[in-house]
Amino acid sequence: MAQKIAVSDASTDFVIGIAGVKPSLQVNIPFGDMDIVEKLLKKELKDLNGKLDDKKNEYFVSLGELKELGKKQFDVYAKINGSKDGPITVIWAVDLGGAYMDKSVHAEQYGVFKKRLEKFALAASEASIDKQIEEEKSMLGELERDKEKLVKEQNDAKSDIEDLKKKIAEKEGDIQKAKSKEESKKTEISTQENKLKSVEKRKEQIKN
């Protein structure tokens, strides 16, 4: 199913920092991998140049700064909603210093953070898909190696059959040679039996 990155407004309850429900931005991570999203979110928050704390799967950046906002510092509350097997959403709430960012009041700041979240979501989605591609490639490689083993087993079996056919042909030739020798030997035996009888008759001849 096709999925698109979309940033939307929300109200989110945070535990870390100053707890409570705060106006926030949330972005979906299409095909997101939880480990990848967590890793990249920490990096993204560290890039805000503030102090990063995390607790109970939530993150808090104090006194962050962005070039686009000049020297105005801010705090960011962040969390990840979702699971390893389900859709993943990343949520940010921004304290601009006395007021939480709201689209209708802080249009400039809202635009900066919305663009940043979209860029983050795209990077996280692409990295997640790259990981999935590598996993699928690895599985495909394993299946191909299994197939190659089966082909080798077949070829080895065919080679064994050919060797056995040659041996059978050789043994059949040996049988024919042995039969021919047997017939010759029968003739020799018959001749020798006749000789024996002829000699045995000599006894009778000398008695008469």
Protein backbone atom coordinates (compact mmCIF):
# COMPACT_ATOMS: atom_id res chain seq x y z
CA MET A 1 0.00 0.00 0.00
CA ALA A 2 1.24 3.49 -0.86
CA GLN A 3 2.06 5.69 2.10
CA LYS A 4 2.88 9.38 2.12
CA ILE A 5 4.60 11.48 4.76
CA ALA A 6 2.19 13.93 6.38
CA VAL A 7 2.64 16.36 9.27
CA SER A 8 -0.45 17.17 11.31
CA ASP A 9 -1.36 19.02 14.49
CA ALA A 10 -2.10 17.18 17.72
CA SER A 11 -2.40 17.55 21.49
CA THR A 12 -0.03 15.19 23.27
CA ASP A 13 0.49 14.21 26.88
CA PHE A 14 4.19 14.15 27.82
CA VAL A 15 5.74 12.78 31.01
CA ILE A 16 9.29 14.05 30.62
CA GLY A 17 10.14 17.70 31.35
CA ILE A 18 7.10 19.69 32.36
CA ALA A 19 4.39 17.03 32.19
CA GLY A 20 1.01 17.64 30.65
CA VAL A 21 -0.89 17.92 27.39
CA LYS A 22 0.83 20.17 24.89
CA PRO A 23 0.04 21.33 21.35
CA SER A 24 2.29 19.33 19.08
CA LEU A 25 3.22 18.27 15.58
CA GLN A 26 3.13 14.64 14.53
CA VAL A 27 4.51 12.96 11.45
CA ASN A 28 4.03 9.42 10.22
CA ILE A 29 7.05 7.30 9.22
CA PRO A 30 5.95 5.18 6.25
CA PHE A 31 7.27 1.61 6.53
CA GLY A 32 9.24 2.71 9.60
CA ASP A 33 11.55 0.39 11.50
CA MET A 34 11.44 1.16 15.24
CA ASP A 35 15.18 0.72 15.82
CA ILE A 36 16.03 2.96 12.85
CA VAL A 37 13.50 5.62 13.88
CA GLU A 38 14.78 5.71 17.47
CA LYS A 39 18.39 5.99 16.33
CA LEU A 40 17.70 8.78 13.84
CA LEU A 41 15.40 10.66 16.22
CA LYS A 42 18.15 10.85 18.84
CA LYS A 43 20.56 12.13 16.18
CA GLU A 44 18.01 14.67 14.97
CA LEU A 45 17.40 15.97 18.49
CA LYS A 46 21.14 16.19 19.20
CA ASP A 47 21.47 18.29 16.05
CA LEU A 48 19.28 20.93 17.75
CA ASN A 49 22.39 21.86 19.77
CA GLY A 50 20.72 21.65 23.17
CA LYS A 51 20.94 19.25 26.10
CA LEU A 52 19.21 15.93 25.38
CA ASP A 53 17.55 13.82 28.08
CA ASP A 54 15.42 10.74 27.62
CA LYS A 55 13.07 8.91 29.95
CA LYS A 56 10.27 6.38 29.50
CA ASN A 57 10.61 6.44 25.70
CA GLU A 58 10.32 10.22 25.63
CA TYR A 59 12.97 12.81 24.80
CA PHE A 60 13.56 16.37 25.96
CA VAL A 61 15.93 18.92 24.43
CA SER A 62 16.52 22.02 26.54
CA LEU A 63 17.87 25.29 25.14
CA GLY A 64 18.01 24.11 21.57
CA GLU A 65 18.97 26.35 18.68
CA LEU A 66 18.41 26.42 14.93
CA LYS A 67 20.07 28.66 12.38
CA GLU A 68 16.71 29.35 10.78
CA LEU A 69 15.40 30.83 14.07
CA GLY A 70 18.44 32.97 14.83
CA LYS A 71 19.46 33.13 18.49
CA LYS A 72 16.03 32.26 19.87
CA GLN A 73 16.33 29.18 22.07
CA PHE A 74 13.59 26.64 22.57
CA ASP A 75 12.78 23.33 24.28
CA VAL A 76 11.55 20.29 22.38
CA TYR A 77 9.52 17.40 23.76
CA ALA A 78 9.51 14.31 21.56
CA LYS A 79 8.15 10.80 21.63
CA ILE A 80 7.55 7.85 19.33
CA ASN A 81 4.14 6.24 19.07
CA GLY A 82 3.74 2.80 17.52
CA SER A 83 5.35 -0.60 17.67
CA LYS A 84 7.75 -2.80 15.75
CA ASP A 85 4.83 -4.37 13.90
CA GLY A 86 2.61 -1.35 13.40
CA PRO A 87 2.60 2.20 12.04
CA ILE A 88 5.07 4.61 13.66
CA THR A 89 4.45 8.27 14.43
CA VAL A 90 6.97 10.79 15.78
CA ILE A 91 5.58 13.67 17.84
CA TRP A 92 7.21 16.98 18.74
CA ALA A 93 6.01 19.76 21.02
CA VAL A 94 8.07 22.96 21.06
CA ASP A 95 8.30 25.43 23.94
CA LEU A 96 9.41 28.70 22.36
CA GLY A 97 10.01 30.28 25.76
CA GLY A 98 6.84 30.99 27.61
CA ALA A 99 4.49 29.66 24.96
CA TYR A 100 4.12 26.36 23.12
CA MET A 101 4.31 26.58 19.37
CA ASP A 102 0.94 26.96 17.71
CA LYS A 103 0.41 27.21 13.96
CA SER A 104 -2.00 30.13 14.20
CA VAL A 105 0.31 32.19 16.45
CA HIS A 106 3.83 31.11 15.45
CA ALA A 107 3.58 30.64 11.71
CA GLU A 108 7.30 31.19 11.02
CA GLN A 109 8.54 28.79 13.70
CA TYR A 110 5.83 26.30 12.80
CA GLY A 111 7.00 26.28 9.19
CA VAL A 112 10.62 25.66 10.23
CA PHE A 113 9.78 22.71 12.49
CA LYS A 114 7.23 21.26 10.06
CA LYS A 115 9.83 21.25 7.28
CA ARG A 116 12.40 19.71 9.62
CA LEU A 117 9.98 16.97 10.68
CA GLU A 118 9.14 16.20 7.06
CA LYS A 119 12.83 15.93 6.21
CA PHE A 120 13.43 13.71 9.24
CA ALA A 121 10.48 11.47 8.35
CA LEU A 122 11.74 11.05 4.79
CA ALA A 123 15.25 10.12 6.01
CA ALA A 124 13.84 7.69 8.60
CA SER A 125 11.50 6.08 6.06
CA GLU A 126 14.24 5.68 3.47
CA ALA A 127 16.68 4.24 6.02
CA SER A 128 13.99 1.83 7.27
CA ILE A 129 13.22 0.68 3.72
CA ASP A 130 16.95 0.32 2.98
CA LYS A 131 17.23 -1.95 6.01
CA GLN A 132 14.24 -3.98 4.84
CA ILE A 133 15.76 -4.22 1.35
CA GLU A 134 19.01 -5.56 2.81
CA GLU A 135 17.07 -8.08 4.90
CA GLU A 136 15.09 -9.23 1.85
CA LYS A 137 18.30 -9.41 -0.22
CA SER A 138 19.89 -11.51 2.51
CA MET A 139 16.88 -13.84 2.54
CA LEU A 140 16.94 -14.04 -1.26
CA GLY A 141 20.66 -14.83 -1.17
CA GLU A 142 20.05 -17.58 1.37
CA LEU A 143 17.29 -19.08 -0.78
CA GLU A 144 19.52 -18.90 -3.86
CA ARG A 145 22.31 -20.66 -1.96
CA ASP A 146 19.83 -23.35 -0.89
CA LYS A 147 18.75 -23.74 -4.52
CA GLU A 148 22.39 -24.02 -5.64
CA LYS A 149 22.95 -26.76 -3.05
CA LEU A 150 19.92 -28.65 -4.37
CA VAL A 151 21.17 -28.29 -7.96
CA LYS A 152 24.59 -29.57 -6.87
CA GLU A 153 22.96 -32.52 -5.11
CA GLN A 154 21.06 -33.33 -8.31
CA ASN A 155 24.20 -33.03 -10.44
CA ASP A 156 26.16 -35.16 -7.98
CA ALA A 157 23.40 -37.78 -8.04
CA LYS A 158 23.33 -37.72 -11.86
CA SER A 159 27.12 -38.10 -11.91
CA ASP A 160 26.85 -41.03 -9.50
CA ILE A 161 24.22 -42.60 -11.74
CA GLU A 162 26.48 -42.19 -14.78
CA ASP A 163 29.37 -43.75 -12.87
CA LEU A 164 27.12 -46.62 -11.80
CA LYS A 165 25.91 -47.07 -15.38
CA LYS A 166 29.52 -47.33 -16.54
CA LYS A 167 30.27 -49.83 -13.80
CA ILE A 168 27.14 -51.81 -14.68
CA ALA A 169 28.20 -51.81 -18.36
CA GLU A 170 31.68 -52.96 -17.33
CA LYS A 171 30.23 -55.71 -15.14
CA GLU A 172 27.89 -56.82 -17.92
CA GLY A 173 30.93 -57.02 -20.18
CA ASP A 174 32.73 -59.05 -17.52
CA ILE A 175 29.72 -61.37 -17.34
CA GLN A 176 29.79 -61.92 -21.11
CA LYS A 177 33.53 -62.57 -21.02
CA ALA A 178 33.06 -65.00 -18.12
CA LYS A 179 30.25 -66.78 -19.99
CA SER A 180 32.48 -67.11 -23.05
CA LYS A 181 35.29 -68.50 -20.91
CA GLU A 182 32.79 -70.80 -19.19
CA GLU A 183 31.78 -72.27 -22.55
CA SER A 184 35.45 -72.77 -23.45
CA LYS A 185 36.03 -74.37 -20.10
CA LYS A 186 33.07 -76.71 -20.59
CA THR A 187 34.61 -77.80 -23.86
CA GLU A 188 37.96 -78.40 -22.14
CA ILE A 189 36.22 -80.37 -19.39
CA SER A 190 34.37 -82.50 -21.90
CA THR A 191 37.60 -83.19 -23.74
CA GLN A 192 39.35 -84.05 -20.49
CA GLU A 193 36.51 -86.36 -19.41
CA ASN A 194 36.84 -88.20 -22.69
CA LYS A 195 40.57 -88.52 -22.16
CA LEU A 196 39.97 -89.86 -18.68
CA LYS A 197 37.53 -92.45 -19.93
CA SER A 198 39.97 -93.48 -22.62
CA VAL A 199 42.72 -94.02 -20.06
CA GLU A 200 40.38 -95.87 -17.70
CA LYS A 201 39.52 -98.28 -20.55
CA ARG A 202 43.18 -99.25 -20.79
CA LYS A 203 42.82 -101.15 -17.50
CA GLU A 204 40.18 -103.32 -19.00
CA GLN A 205 42.22 -103.77 -22.11
CA ILE A 206 45.22 -105.19 -20.26
CA LYS A 207 43.02 -107.62 -18.35
CA ASN A 208 41.59 -109.09 -21.46
